[in-house]
Amino acid sequence: MLNLIWLSFFLVAFVCALYQWLALNNASIFEQLLTSIIDMSSLTVEIAIGLIGILSFWLGMMQIAQSSGVIDKIAKAISPLFSRLMPDVQKNHPAFGSITMNLSANFLGLDNAATPLGLKAMQDLQSINPKKDTASNAQILFLVLNTSSVTLFPITVFVYRAQQGAAVPTDVFLPILLATFASTIAGLFAVCWVQKIKLMQGVVMAYLGAAFAFFASLIAYMATLSAEQLAQQSSLFGNLLIISVLVAFLIIAHRKNVRVYDEFIIGAKQGLQVCITILPYLLAMLCAIGVFRASGALDIIVDSVRTLVAVIGGDIRFVDALPTAVMKPLSGSGARAMMVETMNHHGADSFAGRLASIMQGSTETTFYVLAVYFGSVGIRYTRHAIACGLIADVAGISAAIAVCYWFFG
């Protein structure tokens, strides 16, 4: 799928460029395409270099959290919920430990730890799957929650916004939190409806009730604020929470006699490798998208949607961020590149730039996660996993648009 998408960007761009040359007599179009490739290549390197420092710091702090047992405690706190949502899995099965560890790591933004833990969870669930080539109910629920799970600290989104010149990079913190909560709840309810999982259980209702109570209180408070105050509170709340959590990691680790400095260095050493790993993917997608825009192809698509929205009397400001939404279920690197390109073209603090950032943080990459997780255990028949995952994606993107208008409209 990703190979086809990437190839299509260049082929469509070339066709549009030929049209501009032959039909519109635009002889400089091919120079514009080449210039776009050069510019996007330079931008890729600038982004990767800028990521090294913050990723190294964050991975160092997450190593401290792991060594001090913080992630283990979070996993134990949410494990009772999953034992009710996955009735086909025996109580105290090792899969619950892997599942809660994976979702806990995602919650803290610990991508490096989340992926291997997720693969381990899928393997554990596969060990009790009666049909080895068909996804079980528990595997589908786990995958949908994984692709839509709430991420408390979307650090990379903040870094990209800072690199693109955002005045307050963290002002999208609360909108992202609300949008990703919407995607998680939609995904959970979709799976529970298809699998006929009973949500009216004491433990399940307690967890869901606490979550809804928190977000209802948050929304009720924000409803009393003006648009300017919403942006300020989002930034304040996000910055305060991140710093508080980091300090808590250090205090807990120190009390457990963890050598915090040594553990930090161990984790931070991974930062450079992560950036090196990201660079070719980001380069490939940014160059493809840059050529796609320079040829006029992206403008044709966006303008068509904008015209349709205008005809039905809708506000058209969200349209410029839609390429990120379309790419998100297909490719993480592609969506990330679309977000960067949108901010680079329209400005990080533009409505489109902020909305693209919120969309990027609202869901995970459904098809990529499905291919990697199911492919790792040889599952060929995914049943309702794709449909439920896409329901979560649509809910997250719709919520992202709504909260962006609320906060920045």
Protein backbone atom coordinates (compact mmCIF):
# COMPACT_ATOMS: atom_id res chain seq x y z
CA MET A 1 0.00 0.00 0.00
CA LEU A 2 2.71 2.48 1.03
CA ASN A 3 4.80 1.66 -2.07
CA LEU A 4 1.80 2.38 -4.28
CA ILE A 5 1.02 5.66 -2.50
CA TRP A 6 4.62 6.87 -2.76
CA LEU A 7 4.85 5.97 -6.47
CA SER A 8 1.49 7.63 -7.13
CA PHE A 9 2.70 10.95 -5.73
CA PHE A 10 5.48 11.14 -8.31
CA LEU A 11 3.45 9.80 -11.26
CA VAL A 12 0.51 12.14 -10.67
CA ALA A 13 2.90 15.05 -10.14
CA PHE A 14 4.63 14.27 -13.44
CA VAL A 15 1.33 14.09 -15.32
CA CYS A 16 0.21 17.43 -13.85
CA ALA A 17 3.56 18.97 -14.74
CA LEU A 18 3.24 17.76 -18.36
CA TYR A 19 -0.23 19.31 -18.51
CA GLN A 20 1.06 22.64 -17.21
CA TRP A 21 3.88 22.59 -19.77
CA LEU A 22 1.87 21.49 -22.81
CA ALA A 23 -1.52 23.06 -22.10
CA LEU A 24 -0.64 26.09 -19.97
CA ASN A 25 2.79 26.83 -21.48
CA ASN A 26 4.45 26.77 -18.04
CA ALA A 27 8.02 25.95 -19.07
CA SER A 28 9.42 26.43 -15.56
CA ILE A 29 7.29 23.73 -13.93
CA PHE A 30 10.02 21.06 -14.05
CA GLU A 31 12.48 23.45 -12.45
CA GLN A 32 9.92 24.01 -9.70
CA LEU A 33 9.64 20.26 -9.12
CA LEU A 34 13.41 19.87 -8.83
CA THR A 35 13.64 22.90 -6.53
CA SER A 36 10.95 21.36 -4.31
CA ILE A 37 12.95 18.13 -4.01
CA ILE A 38 16.06 20.08 -3.00
CA ASP A 39 14.14 22.21 -0.49
CA MET A 40 12.38 19.21 1.08
CA SER A 41 15.68 17.33 1.34
CA SER A 42 17.20 20.23 3.26
CA LEU A 43 14.13 20.54 5.45
CA THR A 44 14.32 16.81 6.29
CA VAL A 45 17.87 17.15 7.59
CA GLU A 46 16.97 20.24 9.62
CA ILE A 47 14.04 18.42 11.22
CA ALA A 48 16.08 15.30 12.00
CA ILE A 49 18.88 17.32 13.62
CA GLY A 50 16.35 19.26 15.68
CA LEU A 51 14.77 16.01 16.89
CA ILE A 52 17.99 14.48 18.21
CA GLY A 53 18.14 16.55 21.39
CA ILE A 54 14.51 16.29 22.53
CA LEU A 55 14.18 12.61 21.61
CA SER A 56 17.39 11.78 23.46
CA PHE A 57 16.13 13.64 26.53
CA TRP A 58 12.69 12.03 26.41
CA LEU A 59 14.06 8.52 25.89
CA GLY A 60 16.43 9.09 28.81
CA MET A 61 13.57 10.07 31.11
CA MET A 62 11.48 7.12 29.92
CA GLN A 63 14.37 4.79 30.72
CA ILE A 64 14.26 6.14 34.27
CA ALA A 65 10.50 5.50 34.37
CA GLN A 66 11.01 1.93 33.23
CA SER A 67 13.83 1.22 35.67
CA SER A 68 11.90 2.66 38.61
CA GLY A 69 8.83 0.52 37.88
CA VAL A 70 6.49 3.40 37.01
CA ILE A 71 5.28 1.76 33.80
CA ASP A 72 4.75 -1.54 35.65
CA LYS A 73 2.52 0.23 38.18
CA ILE A 74 0.46 1.87 35.44
CA ALA A 75 0.07 -1.54 33.80
CA LYS A 76 -1.18 -3.11 37.04
CA ALA A 77 -3.64 -0.25 37.53
CA ILE A 78 -5.42 -0.81 34.22
CA SER A 79 -5.13 -4.61 33.94
CA PRO A 80 -8.51 -5.28 35.72
CA LEU A 81 -10.28 -3.44 32.92
CA PHE A 82 -8.88 -5.64 30.16
CA SER A 83 -9.68 -8.86 31.97
CA ARG A 84 -13.37 -7.83 31.60
CA LEU A 85 -13.10 -6.58 28.02
CA MET A 86 -11.42 -9.80 26.87
CA PRO A 87 -13.56 -12.59 28.36
CA ASP A 88 -12.00 -15.20 26.01
CA VAL A 89 -8.60 -14.73 27.67
CA GLN A 90 -8.10 -16.64 30.92
CA LYS A 91 -7.66 -14.59 34.06
CA ASN A 92 -4.00 -13.96 34.96
CA HIS A 93 -2.88 -14.96 31.46
CA PRO A 94 0.54 -13.45 30.54
CA ALA A 95 -1.11 -11.62 27.63
CA PHE A 96 -2.72 -9.13 30.04
CA GLY A 97 0.69 -8.07 31.29
CA SER A 98 1.98 -7.46 27.75
CA ILE A 99 -1.21 -5.63 26.72
CA THR A 100 -1.23 -3.26 29.66
CA MET A 101 2.51 -2.64 29.36
CA ASN A 102 2.09 -1.77 25.67
CA LEU A 103 -0.83 0.60 26.24
CA SER A 104 0.94 2.17 29.23
CA ALA A 105 4.02 2.81 27.09
CA ASN A 106 1.82 4.36 24.38
CA PHE A 107 0.12 6.49 27.02
CA LEU A 108 3.50 7.94 28.05
CA GLY A 109 4.64 8.42 24.45
CA LEU A 110 7.27 5.69 24.76
CA ASP A 111 7.14 4.50 21.13
CA ASN A 112 10.37 2.49 21.22
CA ALA A 113 9.13 0.37 24.11
CA ALA A 114 5.52 0.24 22.91
CA THR A 115 6.18 -1.59 19.64
CA PRO A 116 8.08 -4.63 20.98
CA LEU A 117 5.63 -4.86 23.88
CA GLY A 118 2.77 -4.77 21.39
CA LEU A 119 4.31 -7.55 19.30
CA LYS A 120 4.81 -9.61 22.47
CA ALA A 121 1.15 -9.07 23.43
CA MET A 122 -0.01 -10.15 19.97
CA GLN A 123 2.13 -13.30 20.22
CA ASP A 124 0.70 -14.08 23.67
CA LEU A 125 -2.84 -13.70 22.35
CA GLN A 126 -1.97 -15.81 19.32
CA SER A 127 -0.91 -18.67 21.61
CA ILE A 128 -4.55 -19.09 22.70
CA ASN A 129 -6.11 -18.27 19.33
CA PRO A 130 -7.99 -21.39 18.07
CA LYS A 131 -7.79 -20.22 14.42
CA LYS A 132 -4.19 -19.23 13.78
CA ASP A 133 -4.85 -17.48 10.46
CA THR A 134 -7.86 -15.49 11.74
CA ALA A 135 -7.83 -12.61 14.21
CA SER A 136 -9.48 -13.44 17.54
CA ASN A 137 -11.83 -11.06 19.35
CA ALA A 138 -9.14 -10.20 21.90
CA GLN A 139 -6.56 -9.49 19.19
CA ILE A 140 -8.95 -7.18 17.35
CA LEU A 141 -9.82 -5.23 20.51
CA PHE A 142 -6.13 -4.90 21.39
CA LEU A 143 -5.23 -3.68 17.91
CA VAL A 144 -8.04 -1.10 17.76
CA LEU A 145 -7.13 0.26 21.21
CA ASN A 146 -3.49 0.37 20.12
CA THR A 147 -4.23 2.38 17.00
CA SER A 148 -6.46 4.85 18.86
CA SER A 149 -5.01 4.84 22.38
CA VAL A 150 -4.67 8.09 24.30
CA THR A 151 -1.15 9.52 24.22
CA LEU A 152 -0.64 11.88 27.11
CA PHE A 153 2.60 13.38 25.81
CA PRO A 154 2.67 13.98 22.02
CA ILE A 155 6.23 15.29 22.31
CA THR A 156 7.21 14.92 18.66
CA VAL A 157 4.22 17.03 17.57
CA PHE A 158 5.40 19.77 19.91
CA VAL A 159 8.94 19.53 18.52
CA TYR A 160 7.78 19.79 14.92
CA ARG A 161 5.66 22.80 15.79
CA ALA A 162 8.63 24.46 17.52
CA GLN A 163 10.84 23.82 14.50
CA GLN A 164 8.26 25.39 12.20
CA GLY A 165 8.18 28.56 14.30
CA ALA A 166 5.09 28.11 16.50
CA ALA A 167 4.89 30.84 19.16
CA VAL A 168 3.63 28.34 21.76
CA PRO A 169 4.25 24.78 20.47
CA THR A 170 2.24 23.17 23.28
CA ASP A 171 -0.98 25.14 22.72
CA VAL A 172 -2.44 22.07 20.95
CA PHE A 173 -2.03 19.85 24.03
CA LEU A 174 -5.65 19.87 25.26
CA PRO A 175 -7.16 19.65 21.74
CA ILE A 176 -5.02 16.57 21.04
CA LEU A 177 -6.04 15.02 24.36
CA LEU A 178 -9.75 15.55 23.61
CA ALA A 179 -9.46 14.27 20.03
CA THR A 180 -7.54 11.13 20.94
CA PHE A 181 -10.00 10.39 23.77
CA ALA A 182 -12.82 10.57 21.21
CA SER A 183 -11.03 8.14 18.88
CA THR A 184 -10.34 5.69 21.72
CA ILE A 185 -13.93 5.67 22.96
CA ALA A 186 -15.29 5.30 19.43
CA GLY A 187 -12.95 2.39 18.72
CA LEU A 188 -13.78 0.70 22.02
CA PHE A 189 -17.54 1.06 21.57
CA ALA A 190 -17.37 -0.17 17.96
CA VAL A 191 -15.52 -3.34 18.95
CA CYS A 192 -17.75 -3.95 21.97
CA TRP A 193 -20.85 -3.58 19.80
CA VAL A 194 -19.61 -6.05 17.16
CA GLN A 195 -18.30 -8.55 19.72
CA LYS A 196 -21.29 -8.08 22.06
CA ILE A 197 -19.04 -7.30 25.01
CA LYS A 198 -21.03 -6.23 28.07
CA LEU A 199 -19.98 -2.75 29.12
CA MET A 200 -22.47 -2.68 32.00
CA GLN A 201 -20.06 -4.34 34.42
CA GLY A 202 -18.97 -2.80 37.69
CA VAL A 203 -15.25 -2.63 36.94
CA VAL A 204 -15.73 -1.49 33.34
CA MET A 205 -18.22 1.19 34.32
CA ALA A 206 -15.90 2.39 37.08
CA TYR A 207 -13.03 2.92 34.62
CA LEU A 208 -15.21 4.46 31.92
CA GLY A 209 -17.09 6.57 34.46
CA ALA A 210 -13.84 7.97 35.84
CA ALA A 211 -12.61 8.78 32.32
CA PHE A 212 -15.86 10.45 31.29
CA ALA A 213 -16.05 12.37 34.57
CA PHE A 214 -12.54 13.74 34.07
CA PHE A 215 -13.15 14.84 30.47
CA ALA A 216 -16.63 16.17 31.28
CA SER A 217 -15.16 18.31 34.06
CA LEU A 218 -12.40 19.46 31.74
CA ILE A 219 -14.86 20.39 29.01
CA ALA A 220 -17.19 22.14 31.49
CA TYR A 221 -14.28 24.24 32.74
CA MET A 222 -13.08 25.07 29.23
CA ALA A 223 -16.58 26.08 28.19
CA THR A 224 -16.25 29.09 30.52
CA LEU A 225 -13.10 30.35 28.75
CA SER A 226 -12.64 32.55 25.72
CA ALA A 227 -10.71 31.33 22.68
CA GLU A 228 -7.58 33.18 23.81
CA GLN A 229 -7.86 31.77 27.32
CA LEU A 230 -8.35 28.25 25.92
CA ALA A 231 -5.04 28.45 24.05
CA GLN A 232 -3.28 29.81 27.14
CA GLN A 233 -4.75 27.14 29.44
CA SER A 234 -3.86 24.38 26.99
CA SER A 235 -0.25 25.51 26.95
CA LEU A 236 -0.10 25.99 30.74
CA PHE A 237 -1.75 22.66 31.51
CA GLY A 238 0.42 20.78 29.03
CA ASN A 239 3.71 22.31 30.20
CA LEU A 240 2.85 21.92 33.89
CA LEU A 241 1.78 18.31 33.48
CA ILE A 242 4.88 17.32 31.51
CA ILE A 243 7.28 18.93 33.97
CA SER A 244 5.39 17.50 36.95
CA VAL A 245 5.50 13.98 35.54
CA LEU A 246 9.21 14.21 34.76
CA VAL A 247 9.97 15.41 38.28
CA ALA A 248 7.80 12.61 39.68
CA PHE A 249 9.80 10.08 37.65
CA LEU A 250 13.02 11.38 39.20
CA ILE A 251 11.68 11.40 42.75
CA ILE A 252 10.23 7.88 42.50
CA ALA A 253 13.43 6.57 40.93
CA HIS A 254 15.58 8.19 43.60
CA ARG A 255 13.44 6.68 46.37
CA LYS A 256 13.94 3.26 44.76
CA ASN A 257 17.71 3.78 44.66
CA VAL A 258 17.81 3.92 40.87
CA ARG A 259 20.98 5.55 39.52
CA VAL A 260 19.01 8.21 37.68
CA TYR A 261 21.92 9.79 35.82
CA ASP A 262 23.26 6.46 34.55
CA GLU A 263 19.79 5.29 33.48
CA PHE A 264 19.17 8.59 31.72
CA ILE A 265 22.37 8.19 29.70
CA ILE A 266 21.40 4.64 28.72
CA GLY A 267 18.06 5.83 27.35
CA ALA A 268 19.40 9.02 25.78
CA LYS A 269 21.91 7.06 23.69
CA GLN A 270 18.97 5.76 21.68
CA GLY A 271 18.00 9.25 20.51
CA LEU A 272 20.51 9.51 17.68
CA GLN A 273 19.65 6.05 16.40
CA VAL A 274 15.94 6.87 16.41
CA CYS A 275 16.53 10.03 14.38
CA ILE A 276 18.71 8.14 11.91
CA THR A 277 15.93 5.58 11.57
CA ILE A 278 13.27 8.24 10.97
CA LEU A 279 15.30 10.30 8.48
CA PRO A 280 14.96 8.17 5.29
CA TYR A 281 11.21 7.70 5.80
CA LEU A 282 10.68 11.41 6.37
CA LEU A 283 12.91 12.25 3.39
CA ALA A 284 10.98 9.94 1.07
CA MET A 285 7.57 11.29 2.03
CA LEU A 286 8.51 14.97 2.23
CA CYS A 287 10.08 14.91 -1.23
CA ALA A 288 7.09 13.06 -2.70
CA ILE A 289 4.62 15.46 -1.10
CA GLY A 290 6.73 18.47 -2.08
CA VAL A 291 6.71 17.40 -5.73
CA PHE A 292 2.98 16.64 -5.48
CA ARG A 293 2.27 20.18 -4.25
CA ALA A 294 4.72 21.90 -6.63
CA SER A 295 3.04 20.22 -9.62
CA GLY A 296 -0.32 21.69 -8.59
CA ALA A 297 -1.88 18.27 -7.98
CA LEU A 298 -2.42 18.78 -4.26
CA ASP A 299 -3.94 22.21 -4.87
CA ILE A 300 -6.40 20.69 -7.36
CA ILE A 301 -7.61 18.14 -4.81
CA VAL A 302 -7.79 20.60 -1.93
CA ASP A 303 -9.47 23.28 -4.06
CA SER A 304 -12.08 20.76 -5.21
CA VAL A 305 -12.96 19.87 -1.63
CA ARG A 306 -12.91 23.55 -0.67
CA THR A 307 -15.34 24.39 -3.45
CA LEU A 308 -17.68 21.59 -2.41
CA VAL A 309 -17.63 22.72 1.23
CA ALA A 310 -18.24 26.33 0.16
CA VAL A 311 -21.21 25.29 -2.01
CA ILE A 312 -22.95 23.65 0.95
CA GLY A 313 -22.20 26.72 3.08
CA GLY A 314 -19.51 25.26 5.34
CA ASP A 315 -16.40 26.89 6.76
CA ILE A 316 -13.47 26.05 4.46
CA ARG A 317 -10.51 26.66 6.80
CA PHE A 318 -10.19 23.00 7.79
CA VAL A 319 -9.72 21.83 4.19
CA ASP A 320 -6.01 22.69 4.00
CA ALA A 321 -5.28 20.19 6.80
CA LEU A 322 -7.22 17.31 5.24
CA PRO A 323 -4.17 15.75 3.49
CA THR A 324 -2.80 14.87 6.94
CA ALA A 325 -6.13 13.26 7.89
CA VAL A 326 -6.27 11.22 4.68
CA MET A 327 -2.68 10.02 5.07
CA LYS A 328 -2.89 9.22 8.79
CA PRO A 329 -4.54 5.76 8.57
CA LEU A 330 -2.13 4.73 5.79
CA SER A 331 1.32 5.91 6.78
CA GLY A 332 2.80 7.41 9.94
CA SER A 333 5.74 8.91 8.08
CA GLY A 334 3.42 10.17 5.35
CA ALA A 335 1.07 11.85 7.83
CA ARG A 336 4.03 13.34 9.69
CA ALA A 337 5.39 14.71 6.41
CA MET A 338 1.97 16.11 5.48
CA MET A 339 1.76 17.86 8.86
CA VAL A 340 5.23 19.38 8.46
CA GLU A 341 4.50 20.41 4.89
CA THR A 342 1.19 22.02 5.92
CA MET A 343 2.91 24.02 8.67
CA ASN A 344 5.76 24.91 6.33
CA HIS A 345 3.33 26.14 3.66
CA HIS A 346 0.64 27.83 5.79
CA GLY A 347 2.51 28.56 9.04
CA ALA A 348 2.66 26.62 12.30
CA ASP A 349 0.20 28.97 14.01
CA SER A 350 -2.25 29.08 11.13
CA PHE A 351 -5.56 27.31 11.54
CA ALA A 352 -4.46 24.62 9.08
CA GLY A 353 -1.09 24.22 10.81
CA ARG A 354 -2.67 23.74 14.22
CA LEU A 355 -5.36 21.42 12.88
CA ALA A 356 -2.79 19.23 11.10
CA SER A 357 -0.90 18.96 14.40
CA ILE A 358 -4.05 17.93 16.27
CA MET A 359 -4.90 15.38 13.60
CA GLN A 360 -1.40 13.94 13.79
CA GLY A 361 -1.78 13.39 17.53
CA SER A 362 -5.38 12.15 17.49
CA THR A 363 -4.90 8.58 16.18
CA GLU A 364 -2.25 6.05 15.20
CA THR A 365 -1.59 4.56 11.76
CA THR A 366 -4.28 1.89 11.43
CA PHE A 367 -3.09 0.00 8.34
CA TYR A 368 0.57 0.06 9.37
CA VAL A 369 -0.15 -1.24 12.88
CA LEU A 370 -2.52 -3.85 11.48
CA ALA A 371 0.09 -5.05 8.96
CA VAL A 372 2.92 -5.20 11.50
CA TYR A 373 1.02 -6.70 14.44
CA PHE A 374 -1.08 -9.22 12.52
CA GLY A 375 1.73 -9.99 10.12
CA SER A 376 4.06 -10.85 13.02
CA VAL A 377 1.82 -13.81 13.97
CA GLY A 378 0.71 -14.87 10.50
CA ILE A 379 -2.90 -13.66 10.63
CA ARG A 380 -4.48 -13.36 7.18
CA TYR A 381 -8.16 -12.76 8.00
CA THR A 382 -8.63 -9.59 10.03
CA ARG A 383 -12.44 -9.78 10.30
CA HIS A 384 -13.83 -6.47 11.65
CA ALA A 385 -10.47 -5.01 12.76
CA ILE A 386 -10.11 -2.60 9.82
CA ALA A 387 -13.71 -1.34 10.04
CA CYS A 388 -13.47 -0.67 13.79
CA GLY A 389 -10.06 0.93 13.39
CA LEU A 390 -11.36 3.26 10.70
CA ILE A 391 -14.35 4.18 12.87
CA ALA A 392 -11.87 5.28 15.53
CA ASP A 393 -9.91 7.23 12.89
CA VAL A 394 -12.99 9.06 11.63
CA ALA A 395 -14.03 9.90 15.20
CA GLY A 396 -10.56 11.21 16.02
CA ILE A 397 -10.31 13.34 12.89
CA SER A 398 -13.84 14.71 13.33
CA ALA A 399 -13.12 15.55 16.95
CA ALA A 400 -9.84 17.20 15.91
CA ILE A 401 -11.69 19.51 13.53
CA ALA A 402 -14.33 20.33 16.15
CA VAL A 403 -11.89 21.13 18.97
CA CYS A 404 -9.64 23.14 16.66
CA TYR A 405 -12.59 25.41 15.82
CA TRP A 406 -13.41 25.59 19.53
CA PHE A 407 -9.90 26.51 20.64
CA PHE A 408 -8.61 28.49 17.68
CA GLY A 409 -11.67 29.38 15.62
